[in-house]
Amino acid sequence: AANHSFYLRNCYLDNRLATGELELAGRKLDLSQISLPTYCLATRED
């Protein structure tokens, strides 16, 4: 319950991860600070 509620509210409802407002374990998260090499796959009919 705790995990699913956090995910629905902070990601789907308020989109806090994308806006830089998400806090987890005492830290505010900023995706722009991820600087390592990344590979991303999307699927066209997802």
All heavy atoms as atom14 arrays in JSON, in Angstrom:
{
  "sequence": "AANHSFYLRNCYLDNRLATGELELAGRKLDLSQISLPTYCLATRED",
  "atom14_mask": [
    [1, 1, 1, 1, 1, 0, 0, 0, 0, 0, 0, 0, 0, 0],
    [1, 1, 1, 1, 1, 0, 0, 0, 0, 0, 0, 0, 0, 0],
    [1, 1, 1, 1, 1, 1, 1, 1, 0, 0, 0, 0, 0, 0],
    [1, 1, 1, 1, 1, 1, 1, 1, 1, 1, 0, 0, 0, 0],
    [1, 1, 1, 1, 1, 1, 0, 0, 0, 0, 0, 0, 0, 0],
    [1, 1, 1, 1, 1, 1, 1, 1, 1, 1, 1, 0, 0, 0],
    [1, 1, 1, 1, 1, 1, 1, 1, 1, 1, 1, 1, 0, 0],
    [1, 1, 1, 1, 1, 1, 1, 1, 0, 0, 0, 0, 0, 0],
    [1, 1, 1, 1, 1, 1, 1, 1, 1, 1, 1, 0, 0, 0],
    [1, 1, 1, 1, 1, 1, 1, 1, 0, 0, 0, 0, 0, 0],
    [1, 1, 1, 1, 1, 1, 0, 0, 0, 0, 0, 0, 0, 0],
    [1, 1, 1, 1, 1, 1, 1, 1, 1, 1, 1, 1, 0, 0],
    [1, 1, 1, 1, 1, 1, 1, 1, 0, 0, 0, 0, 0, 0],
    [1, 1, 1, 1, 1, 1, 1, 1, 0, 0, 0, 0, 0, 0],
    [1, 1, 1, 1, 1, 1, 1, 1, 0, 0, 0, 0, 0, 0],
    [1, 1, 1, 1, 1, 1, 1, 1, 1, 1, 1, 0, 0, 0],
    [1, 1, 1, 1, 1, 1, 1, 1, 0, 0, 0, 0, 0, 0],
    [1, 1, 1, 1, 1, 0, 0, 0, 0, 0, 0, 0, 0, 0],
    [1, 1, 1, 1, 1, 1, 1, 0, 0, 0, 0, 0, 0, 0],
    [1, 1, 1, 1, 0, 0, 0, 0, 0, 0, 0, 0, 0, 0],
    [1, 1, 1, 1, 1, 1, 1, 1, 1, 0, 0, 0, 0, 0],
    [1, 1, 1, 1, 1, 1, 1, 1, 0, 0, 0, 0, 0, 0],
    [1, 1, 1, 1, 1, 1, 1, 1, 1, 0, 0, 0, 0, 0],
    [1, 1, 1, 1, 1, 1, 1, 1, 0, 0, 0, 0, 0, 0],
    [1, 1, 1, 1, 1, 0, 0, 0, 0, 0, 0, 0, 0, 0],
    [1, 1, 1, 1, 0, 0, 0, 0, 0, 0, 0, 0, 0, 0],
    [1, 1, 1, 1, 1, 1, 1, 1, 1, 1, 1, 0, 0, 0],
    [1, 1, 1, 1, 1, 1, 1, 1, 1, 0, 0, 0, 0, 0],
    [1, 1, 1, 1, 1, 1, 1, 1, 0, 0, 0, 0, 0, 0],
    [1, 1, 1, 1, 1, 1, 1, 1, 0, 0, 0, 0, 0, 0],
    [1, 1, 1, 1, 1, 1, 1, 1, 0, 0, 0, 0, 0, 0],
    [1, 1, 1, 1, 1, 1, 0, 0, 0, 0, 0, 0, 0, 0],
    [1, 1, 1, 1, 1, 1, 1, 1, 1, 0, 0, 0, 0, 0],
    [1, 1, 1, 1, 1, 1, 1, 1, 0, 0, 0, 0, 0, 0],
    [1, 1, 1, 1, 1, 1, 0, 0, 0, 0, 0, 0, 0, 0],
    [1, 1, 1, 1, 1, 1, 1, 1, 0, 0, 0, 0, 0, 0],
    [1, 1, 1, 1, 1, 1, 1, 0, 0, 0, 0, 0, 0, 0],
    [1, 1, 1, 1, 1, 1, 1, 0, 0, 0, 0, 0, 0, 0],
    [1, 1, 1, 1, 1, 1, 1, 1, 1, 1, 1, 1, 0, 0],
    [1, 1, 1, 1, 1, 1, 0, 0, 0, 0, 0, 0, 0, 0],
    [1, 1, 1, 1, 1, 1, 1, 1, 0, 0, 0, 0, 0, 0],
    [1, 1, 1, 1, 1, 0, 0, 0, 0, 0, 0, 0, 0, 0],
    [1, 1, 1, 1, 1, 1, 1, 0, 0, 0, 0, 0, 0, 0],
    [1, 1, 1, 1, 1, 1, 1, 1, 1, 1, 1, 0, 0, 0],
    [1, 1, 1, 1, 1, 1, 1, 1, 1, 0, 0, 0, 0, 0],
    [1, 1, 1, 1, 1, 1, 1, 1, 0, 0, 0, 0, 0, 0]
  ],
  "atom14_positions": [
    [[0.82, -1.21, 0.0], [0.0, 0.0, 0.0], [0.86, 1.26, 0.0], [0.6, 2.2, -0.77], [-0.93, -0.02, 1.22], [0.0, 0.0, 0.0], [0.0, 0.0, 0.0], [0.0, 0.0, 0.0], [0.0, 0.0, 0.0], [0.0, 0.0, 0.0], [0.0, 0.0, 0.0], [0.0, 0.0, 0.0], [0.0, 0.0, 0.0], [0.0, 0.0, 0.0]],
    [[1.88, 1.31, 0.85], [2.7, 2.52, 0.96], [3.45, 2.8, -0.34], [3.5, 3.94, -0.82], [3.68, 2.38, 2.12], [0.0, 0.0, 0.0], [0.0, 0.0, 0.0], [0.0, 0.0, 0.0], [0.0, 0.0, 0.0], [0.0, 0.0, 0.0], [0.0, 0.0, 0.0], [0.0, 0.0, 0.0], [0.0, 0.0, 0.0], [0.0, 0.0, 0.0]],
    [[4.02, 1.76, -0.93], [4.75, 1.91, -2.18], [3.84, 2.39, -3.3], [4.16, 3.33, -4.03], [5.39, 0.56, -2.54], [6.16, 0.58, -3.84], [5.62, 0.91, -4.89], [7.42, 0.2, -3.78], [0.0, 0.0, 0.0], [0.0, 0.0, 0.0], [0.0, 0.0, 0.0], [0.0, 0.0, 0.0], [0.0, 0.0, 0.0], [0.0, 0.0, 0.0]],
    [[2.68, 1.75, -3.44], [1.79, 2.06, -4.54], [1.2, 3.46, -4.4], [1.07, 4.2, -5.39], [0.68, 1.01, -4.61], [-0.06, 1.0, -5.92], [0.59, 0.97, -7.13], [-1.39, 1.04, -6.21], [-0.31, 0.99, -8.12], [-1.51, 1.04, -7.58], [0.0, 0.0, 0.0], [0.0, 0.0, 0.0], [0.0, 0.0, 0.0], [0.0, 0.0, 0.0]],
    [[0.86, 3.84, -3.19], [0.31, 5.17, -2.96], [1.35, 6.25, -3.31], [1.02, 7.25, -3.96], [-0.12, 5.31, -1.49], [-0.57, 6.61, -1.24], [0.0, 0.0, 0.0], [0.0, 0.0, 0.0], [0.0, 0.0, 0.0], [0.0, 0.0, 0.0], [0.0, 0.0, 0.0], [0.0, 0.0, 0.0], [0.0, 0.0, 0.0], [0.0, 0.0, 0.0]],
    [[2.59, 6.05, -2.9], [3.66, 7.0, -3.21], [3.84, 7.15, -4.71], [3.96, 8.26, -5.24], [4.97, 6.53, -2.57], [6.14, 7.44, -2.8], [6.47, 8.42, -1.86], [6.91, 7.34, -3.95], [7.55, 9.26, -2.08], [7.99, 8.18, -4.17], [8.31, 9.15, -3.23], [0.0, 0.0, 0.0], [0.0, 0.0, 0.0], [0.0, 0.0, 0.0]],
    [[3.83, 6.02, -5.41], [4.04, 6.02, -6.86], [2.9, 6.76, -7.57], [3.14, 7.63, -8.42], [4.12, 4.57, -7.33], [4.29, 4.38, -8.82], [5.3, 5.03, -9.52], [3.45, 3.51, -9.52], [5.45, 4.84, -10.88], [3.61, 3.31, -10.87], [4.61, 3.98, -11.56], [4.76, 3.78, -12.91], [0.0, 0.0, 0.0], [0.0, 0.0, 0.0]],
    [[1.65, 6.43, -7.22], [0.52, 7.06, -7.89], [0.49, 8.57, -7.62], [0.26, 9.37, -8.54], [-0.79, 6.43, -7.42], [-1.03, 4.97, -7.82], [-2.38, 4.5, -7.28], [-0.96, 4.79, -9.33], [0.0, 0.0, 0.0], [0.0, 0.0, 0.0], [0.0, 0.0, 0.0], [0.0, 0.0, 0.0], [0.0, 0.0, 0.0], [0.0, 0.0, 0.0]],
    [[0.71, 8.97, -6.4], [0.6, 10.39, -6.05], [1.76, 11.21, -6.62], [1.56, 12.27, -7.22], [0.54, 10.57, -4.53], [-0.8, 10.18, -3.94], [-0.93, 10.64, -2.5], [-2.29, 10.42, -2.02], [-3.31, 11.24, -2.26], [-3.11, 12.35, -2.96], [-4.52, 10.97, -1.79], [0.0, 0.0, 0.0], [0.0, 0.0, 0.0], [0.0, 0.0, 0.0]],
    [[2.96, 10.74, -6.41], [4.13, 11.56, -6.76], [4.5, 11.49, -8.23], [5.1, 12.44, -8.74], [5.33, 11.14, -5.9], [5.17, 11.56, -4.46], [5.41, 12.71, -4.12], [4.76, 10.63, -3.62], [0.0, 0.0, 0.0], [0.0, 0.0, 0.0], [0.0, 0.0, 0.0], [0.0, 0.0, 0.0], [0.0, 0.0, 0.0], [0.0, 0.0, 0.0]],
    [[4.14, 10.41, -8.88], [4.47, 10.29, -10.31], [3.27, 10.62, -11.19], [3.28, 11.61, -11.92], [5.0, 8.89, -10.6], [6.6, 8.54, -9.81], [0.0, 0.0, 0.0], [0.0, 0.0, 0.0], [0.0, 0.0, 0.0], [0.0, 0.0, 0.0], [0.0, 0.0, 0.0], [0.0, 0.0, 0.0], [0.0, 0.0, 0.0], [0.0, 0.0, 0.0]],
    [[2.2, 9.84, -11.09], [1.07, 10.02, -11.98], [0.24, 11.27, -11.66], [-0.12, 12.03, -12.54], [0.16, 8.79, -11.95], [0.6, 7.7, -12.88], [1.39, 6.64, -12.44], [0.25, 7.72, -14.23], [1.81, 5.64, -13.3], [0.66, 6.72, -15.1], [1.44, 5.69, -14.63], [1.86, 4.7, -15.49], [0.0, 0.0, 0.0], [0.0, 0.0, 0.0]],
    [[-0.07, 11.49, -10.38], [-0.96, 12.59, -10.03], [-0.27, 13.95, -10.08], [-0.73, 14.88, -10.76], [-1.56, 12.36, -8.64], [-2.56, 13.42, -8.17], [-3.79, 13.45, -9.08], [-2.99, 13.14, -6.72], [0.0, 0.0, 0.0], [0.0, 0.0, 0.0], [0.0, 0.0, 0.0], [0.0, 0.0, 0.0], [0.0, 0.0, 0.0], [0.0, 0.0, 0.0]],
    [[0.85, 14.08, -9.38], [1.51, 15.38, -9.26], [2.75, 15.54, -10.14], [3.3, 16.64, -10.24], [1.9, 15.63, -7.8], [0.68, 15.69, -6.89], [-0.37, 16.19, -7.35], [0.76, 15.25, -5.73], [0.0, 0.0, 0.0], [0.0, 0.0, 0.0], [0.0, 0.0, 0.0], [0.0, 0.0, 0.0], [0.0, 0.0, 0.0], [0.0, 0.0, 0.0]],
    [[3.23, 14.45, -10.75], [4.39, 14.5, -11.65], [5.59, 15.17, -10.99], [6.34, 15.94, -11.61], [4.02, 15.22, -12.95], [4.93, 14.86, -14.11], [5.54, 13.79, -14.12], [5.02, 15.74, -15.09], [0.0, 0.0, 0.0], [0.0, 0.0, 0.0], [0.0, 0.0, 0.0], [0.0, 0.0, 0.0], [0.0, 0.0, 0.0], [0.0, 0.0, 0.0]],
    [[5.81, 14.9, -9.72], [6.85, 15.58, -8.96], [8.27, 15.21, -9.4], [9.19, 16.01, -9.25], [6.69, 15.26, -7.46], [5.46, 15.9, -6.83], [5.36, 15.51, -5.35], [4.23, 16.16, -4.72], [4.26, 17.36, -4.16], [5.4, 18.05, -4.18], [3.2, 17.88, -3.61], [0.0, 0.0, 0.0], [0.0, 0.0, 0.0], [0.0, 0.0, 0.0]],
    [[8.44, 14.01, -9.93], [9.78, 13.62, -10.36], [10.24, 14.5, -11.52], [11.38, 14.96, -11.55], [9.78, 12.15, -10.77], [11.12, 11.57, -11.26], [12.21, 11.73, -10.21], [10.96, 10.11, -11.66], [0.0, 0.0, 0.0], [0.0, 0.0, 0.0], [0.0, 0.0, 0.0], [0.0, 0.0, 0.0], [0.0, 0.0, 0.0], [0.0, 0.0, 0.0]],
    [[9.35, 14.76, -12.47], [9.71, 15.56, -13.64], [9.94, 17.02, -13.29], [10.78, 17.7, -13.89], [8.64, 15.44, -14.71], [0.0, 0.0, 0.0], [0.0, 0.0, 0.0], [0.0, 0.0, 0.0], [0.0, 0.0, 0.0], [0.0, 0.0, 0.0], [0.0, 0.0, 0.0], [0.0, 0.0, 0.0], [0.0, 0.0, 0.0], [0.0, 0.0, 0.0]],
    [[9.2, 17.53, -12.3], [9.3, 18.95, -11.96], [10.39, 19.24, -10.93], [10.6, 20.41, -10.57], [7.95, 19.45, -11.41], [7.58, 18.68, -10.25], [6.86, 19.31, -12.47], [0.0, 0.0, 0.0], [0.0, 0.0, 0.0], [0.0, 0.0, 0.0], [0.0, 0.0, 0.0], [0.0, 0.0, 0.0], [0.0, 0.0, 0.0], [0.0, 0.0, 0.0]],
    [[11.06, 18.2, -10.45], [12.13, 18.41, -9.48], [11.64, 18.65, -8.07], [12.39, 19.14, -7.22], [0.0, 0.0, 0.0], [0.0, 0.0, 0.0], [0.0, 0.0, 0.0], [0.0, 0.0, 0.0], [0.0, 0.0, 0.0], [0.0, 0.0, 0.0], [0.0, 0.0, 0.0], [0.0, 0.0, 0.0], [0.0, 0.0, 0.0], [0.0, 0.0, 0.0]],
    [[10.38, 18.29, -7.77], [9.8, 18.53, -6.45], [9.72, 17.26, -5.6], [9.31, 17.32, -4.44], [8.39, 19.11, -6.6], [8.36, 20.45, -7.34], [6.96, 20.91, -7.64], [6.02, 20.1, -7.42], [6.78, 22.05, -8.07], [0.0, 0.0, 0.0], [0.0, 0.0, 0.0], [0.0, 0.0, 0.0], [0.0, 0.0, 0.0], [0.0, 0.0, 0.0]],
    [[10.11, 16.12, -6.15], [9.98, 14.87, -5.42], [11.06, 14.76, -4.35], [12.24, 14.97, -4.61], [10.1, 13.67, -6.39], [10.02, 12.28, -5.76], [8.68, 12.06, -5.08], [10.26, 11.2, -6.8], [0.0, 0.0, 0.0], [0.0, 0.0, 0.0], [0.0, 0.0, 0.0], [0.0, 0.0, 0.0], [0.0, 0.0, 0.0], [0.0, 0.0, 0.0]],
    [[10.64, 14.41, -3.14], [11.57, 14.17, -2.04], [11.5, 12.71, -1.63], [10.41, 12.15, -1.5], [11.24, 15.07, -0.85], [11.51, 16.54, -1.11], [11.38, 17.38, 0.15], [11.38, 16.79, 1.26], [11.29, 18.61, 0.03], [0.0, 0.0, 0.0], [0.0, 0.0, 0.0], [0.0, 0.0, 0.0], [0.0, 0.0, 0.0], [0.0, 0.0, 0.0]],
    [[12.67, 12.12, -1.44], [12.74, 10.72, -1.04], [13.92, 10.54, -0.09], [15.03, 11.0, -0.39], [12.92, 9.8, -2.26], [12.9, 8.29, -1.98], [11.51, 7.85, -1.52], [13.31, 7.5, -3.21], [0.0, 0.0, 0.0], [0.0, 0.0, 0.0], [0.0, 0.0, 0.0], [0.0, 0.0, 0.0], [0.0, 0.0, 0.0], [0.0, 0.0, 0.0]],
    [[13.67, 9.9, 1.03], [14.7, 9.62, 2.03], [15.51, 10.87, 2.35], [16.75, 10.84, 2.42], [15.62, 8.5, 1.53], [0.0, 0.0, 0.0], [0.0, 0.0, 0.0], [0.0, 0.0, 0.0], [0.0, 0.0, 0.0], [0.0, 0.0, 0.0], [0.0, 0.0, 0.0], [0.0, 0.0, 0.0], [0.0, 0.0, 0.0], [0.0, 0.0, 0.0]],
    [[14.81, 11.98, 2.54], [15.45, 13.2, 2.99], [16.13, 14.04, 1.93], [16.83, 15.01, 2.25], [0.0, 0.0, 0.0], [0.0, 0.0, 0.0], [0.0, 0.0, 0.0], [0.0, 0.0, 0.0], [0.0, 0.0, 0.0], [0.0, 0.0, 0.0], [0.0, 0.0, 0.0], [0.0, 0.0, 0.0], [0.0, 0.0, 0.0], [0.0, 0.0, 0.0]],
    [[15.95, 13.7, 0.67], [16.61, 14.46, -0.4], [15.61, 14.82, -1.49], [14.77, 14.0, -1.87], [17.77, 13.66, -1.02], [18.98, 13.52, -0.11], [19.68, 14.86, 0.1], [20.91, 14.73, 0.84], [21.0, 14.78, 2.17], [19.88, 14.92, 2.9], [22.17, 14.66, 2.78], [0.0, 0.0, 0.0], [0.0, 0.0, 0.0], [0.0, 0.0, 0.0]],
    [[15.74, 16.04, -2.02], [14.95, 16.45, -3.18], [15.69, 15.99, -4.43], [16.91, 16.17, -4.55], [14.76, 17.96, -3.2], [13.86, 18.45, -4.33], [13.53, 19.93, -4.19], [12.49, 20.16, -3.12], [11.97, 21.56, -3.15], [0.0, 0.0, 0.0], [0.0, 0.0, 0.0], [0.0, 0.0, 0.0], [0.0, 0.0, 0.0], [0.0, 0.0, 0.0]],
    [[14.96, 15.41, -5.38], [15.58, 14.75, -6.52], [15.54, 15.63, -7.76], [14.52, 16.24, -8.08], [14.87, 13.42, -6.81], [14.72, 12.46, -5.62], [14.12, 11.15, -6.08], [16.05, 12.24, -4.91], [0.0, 0.0, 0.0], [0.0, 0.0, 0.0], [0.0, 0.0, 0.0], [0.0, 0.0, 0.0], [0.0, 0.0, 0.0], [0.0, 0.0, 0.0]],
    [[16.65, 15.65, -8.48], [16.79, 16.43, -9.71], [17.36, 15.52, -10.79], [18.53, 15.13, -10.74], [17.72, 17.63, -9.47], [17.88, 18.52, -10.69], [17.3, 18.19, -11.75], [18.58, 19.54, -10.59], [0.0, 0.0, 0.0], [0.0, 0.0, 0.0], [0.0, 0.0, 0.0], [0.0, 0.0, 0.0], [0.0, 0.0, 0.0], [0.0, 0.0, 0.0]],
    [[16.54, 15.18, -11.78], [16.99, 14.25, -12.82], [18.12, 14.82, -13.66], [18.89, 14.06, -14.25], [15.81, 13.89, -13.73], [14.68, 13.06, -13.1], [13.51, 12.92, -14.06], [15.18, 11.68, -12.69], [0.0, 0.0, 0.0], [0.0, 0.0, 0.0], [0.0, 0.0, 0.0], [0.0, 0.0, 0.0], [0.0, 0.0, 0.0], [0.0, 0.0, 0.0]],
    [[18.25, 16.12, -13.73], [19.32, 16.72, -14.53], [20.7, 16.45, -13.93], [21.71, 16.65, -14.61], [19.1, 18.23, -14.66], [19.29, 18.89, -13.42], [0.0, 0.0, 0.0], [0.0, 0.0, 0.0], [0.0, 0.0, 0.0], [0.0, 0.0, 0.0], [0.0, 0.0, 0.0], [0.0, 0.0, 0.0], [0.0, 0.0, 0.0], [0.0, 0.0, 0.0]],
    [[20.73, 15.96, -12.69], [22.01, 15.63, -12.06], [22.5, 14.23, -12.44], [23.59, 13.83, -12.06], [21.88, 15.73, -10.53], [21.55, 17.12, -10.02], [22.59, 18.14, -10.46], [23.79, 17.98, -10.22], [22.13, 19.2, -11.13], [0.0, 0.0, 0.0], [0.0, 0.0, 0.0], [0.0, 0.0, 0.0], [0.0, 0.0, 0.0], [0.0, 0.0, 0.0]],
    [[21.68, 13.5, -13.21], [22.11, 12.18, -13.7], [22.98, 12.4, -14.93], [22.5, 12.82, -15.98], [20.89, 11.3, -14.05], [20.03, 11.08, -12.81], [21.34, 9.97, -14.64], [18.73, 10.34, -13.08], [0.0, 0.0, 0.0], [0.0, 0.0, 0.0], [0.0, 0.0, 0.0], [0.0, 0.0, 0.0], [0.0, 0.0, 0.0], [0.0, 0.0, 0.0]],
    [[24.26, 12.11, -14.8], [25.2, 12.45, -15.88], [25.9, 11.25, -16.49], [26.77, 11.42, -17.35], [26.25, 13.43, -15.34], [26.94, 12.87, -14.23], [0.0, 0.0, 0.0], [0.0, 0.0, 0.0], [0.0, 0.0, 0.0], [0.0, 0.0, 0.0], [0.0, 0.0, 0.0], [0.0, 0.0, 0.0], [0.0, 0.0, 0.0], [0.0, 0.0, 0.0]],
    [[25.57, 10.04, -16.06], [26.26, 8.86, -16.62], [25.65, 8.5, -17.97], [24.57, 8.97, -18.32], [26.17, 7.69, -15.65], [24.85, 6.93, -15.49], [25.07, 5.67, -14.67], [23.79, 7.79, -14.82], [0.0, 0.0, 0.0], [0.0, 0.0, 0.0], [0.0, 0.0, 0.0], [0.0, 0.0, 0.0], [0.0, 0.0, 0.0], [0.0, 0.0, 0.0]],
    [[26.32, 7.68, -18.78], [25.78, 7.28, -20.09], [24.44, 6.55, -19.93], [24.29, 5.69, -19.06], [26.85, 6.35, -20.65], [28.1, 6.71, -19.93], [27.67, 7.13, -18.56], [0.0, 0.0, 0.0], [0.0, 0.0, 0.0], [0.0, 0.0, 0.0], [0.0, 0.0, 0.0], [0.0, 0.0, 0.0], [0.0, 0.0, 0.0], [0.0, 0.0, 0.0]],
    [[23.47, 6.89, -20.77], [22.14, 6.27, -20.67], [21.66, 5.81, -22.04], [21.92, 6.44, -23.06], [21.11, 7.25, -20.07], [21.15, 8.47, -20.8], [21.4, 7.53, -18.61], [0.0, 0.0, 0.0], [0.0, 0.0, 0.0], [0.0, 0.0, 0.0], [0.0, 0.0, 0.0], [0.0, 0.0, 0.0], [0.0, 0.0, 0.0], [0.0, 0.0, 0.0]],
    [[20.95, 4.7, -22.02], [20.33, 4.11, -23.21], [18.85, 4.0, -22.91], [18.46, 3.53, -21.84], [20.94, 2.73, -23.48], [20.46, 2.02, -24.73], [21.25, 1.96, -25.87], [19.23, 1.36, -24.76], [20.83, 1.28, -27.01], [18.79, 0.69, -25.89], [19.6, 0.65, -27.01], [19.18, -0.03, -28.14], [0.0, 0.0, 0.0], [0.0, 0.0, 0.0]],
    [[18.02, 4.42, -23.83], [16.57, 4.39, -23.59], [15.86, 3.73, -24.75], [16.06, 4.08, -25.91], [16.04, 5.81, -23.39], [14.24, 5.85, -23.26], [0.0, 0.0, 0.0], [0.0, 0.0, 0.0], [0.0, 0.0, 0.0], [0.0, 0.0, 0.0], [0.0, 0.0, 0.0], [0.0, 0.0, 0.0], [0.0, 0.0, 0.0], [0.0, 0.0, 0.0]],
    [[14.98, 2.79, -24.42], [14.13, 2.14, -25.42], [12.68, 2.49, -25.15], [12.18, 2.35, -24.03], [14.3, 0.62, -25.36], [13.36, -0.15, -26.3], [13.95, -0.17, -27.71], [13.1, -1.56, -25.8], [0.0, 0.0, 0.0], [0.0, 0.0, 0.0], [0.0, 0.0, 0.0], [0.0, 0.0, 0.0], [0.0, 0.0, 0.0], [0.0, 0.0, 0.0]],
    [[11.98, 2.95, -26.19], [10.52, 3.1, -26.15], [9.95, 2.21, -27.24], [10.66, 1.81, -28.17], [10.12, 4.55, -26.37], [0.0, 0.0, 0.0], [0.0, 0.0, 0.0], [0.0, 0.0, 0.0], [0.0, 0.0, 0.0], [0.0, 0.0, 0.0], [0.0, 0.0, 0.0], [0.0, 0.0, 0.0], [0.0, 0.0, 0.0], [0.0, 0.0, 0.0]],
    [[8.67, 1.88, -27.13], [8.03, 1.07, -28.17], [6.87, 1.86, -28.77], [6.14, 2.55, -28.06], [7.53, -0.28, -27.62], [6.66, -0.06, -26.51], [8.7, -1.14, -27.18], [0.0, 0.0, 0.0], [0.0, 0.0, 0.0], [0.0, 0.0, 0.0], [0.0, 0.0, 0.0], [0.0, 0.0, 0.0], [0.0, 0.0, 0.0], [0.0, 0.0, 0.0]],
    [[6.71, 1.73, -30.06], [5.85, 2.64, -30.82], [4.38, 2.5, -30.48], [3.62, 3.46, -30.53], [6.07, 2.43, -32.32], [5.51, 3.56, -33.16], [6.07, 3.59, -34.55], [5.7, 4.8, -35.25], [6.1, 5.12, -36.49], [6.9, 4.29, -37.14], [5.72, 6.24, -37.05], [0.0, 0.0, 0.0], [0.0, 0.0, 0.0], [0.0, 0.0, 0.0]],
    [[3.92, 1.29, -30.12], [2.51, 1.06, -29.86], [2.23, 0.82, -28.37], [1.25, 0.18, -28.01], [2.01, -0.13, -30.69], [2.15, 0.08, -32.19], [1.83, -1.19, -32.98], [1.08, -2.04, -32.45], [2.33, -1.32, -34.11], [0.0, 0.0, 0.0], [0.0, 0.0, 0.0], [0.0, 0.0, 0.0], [0.0, 0.0, 0.0], [0.0, 0.0, 0.0]],
    [[3.09, 1.36, -27.52], [2.99, 1.12, -26.08], [1.76, 1.81, -25.51], [1.58, 3.01, -25.67], [4.25, 1.66, -25.39], [4.48, 1.04, -24.03], [3.49, 0.78, -23.33], [5.65, 0.82, -23.66], [0.0, 0.0, 0.0], [0.0, 0.0, 0.0], [0.0, 0.0, 0.0], [0.0, 0.0, 0.0], [0.0, 0.0, 0.0], [0.0, 0.0, 0.0]]
  ]
}
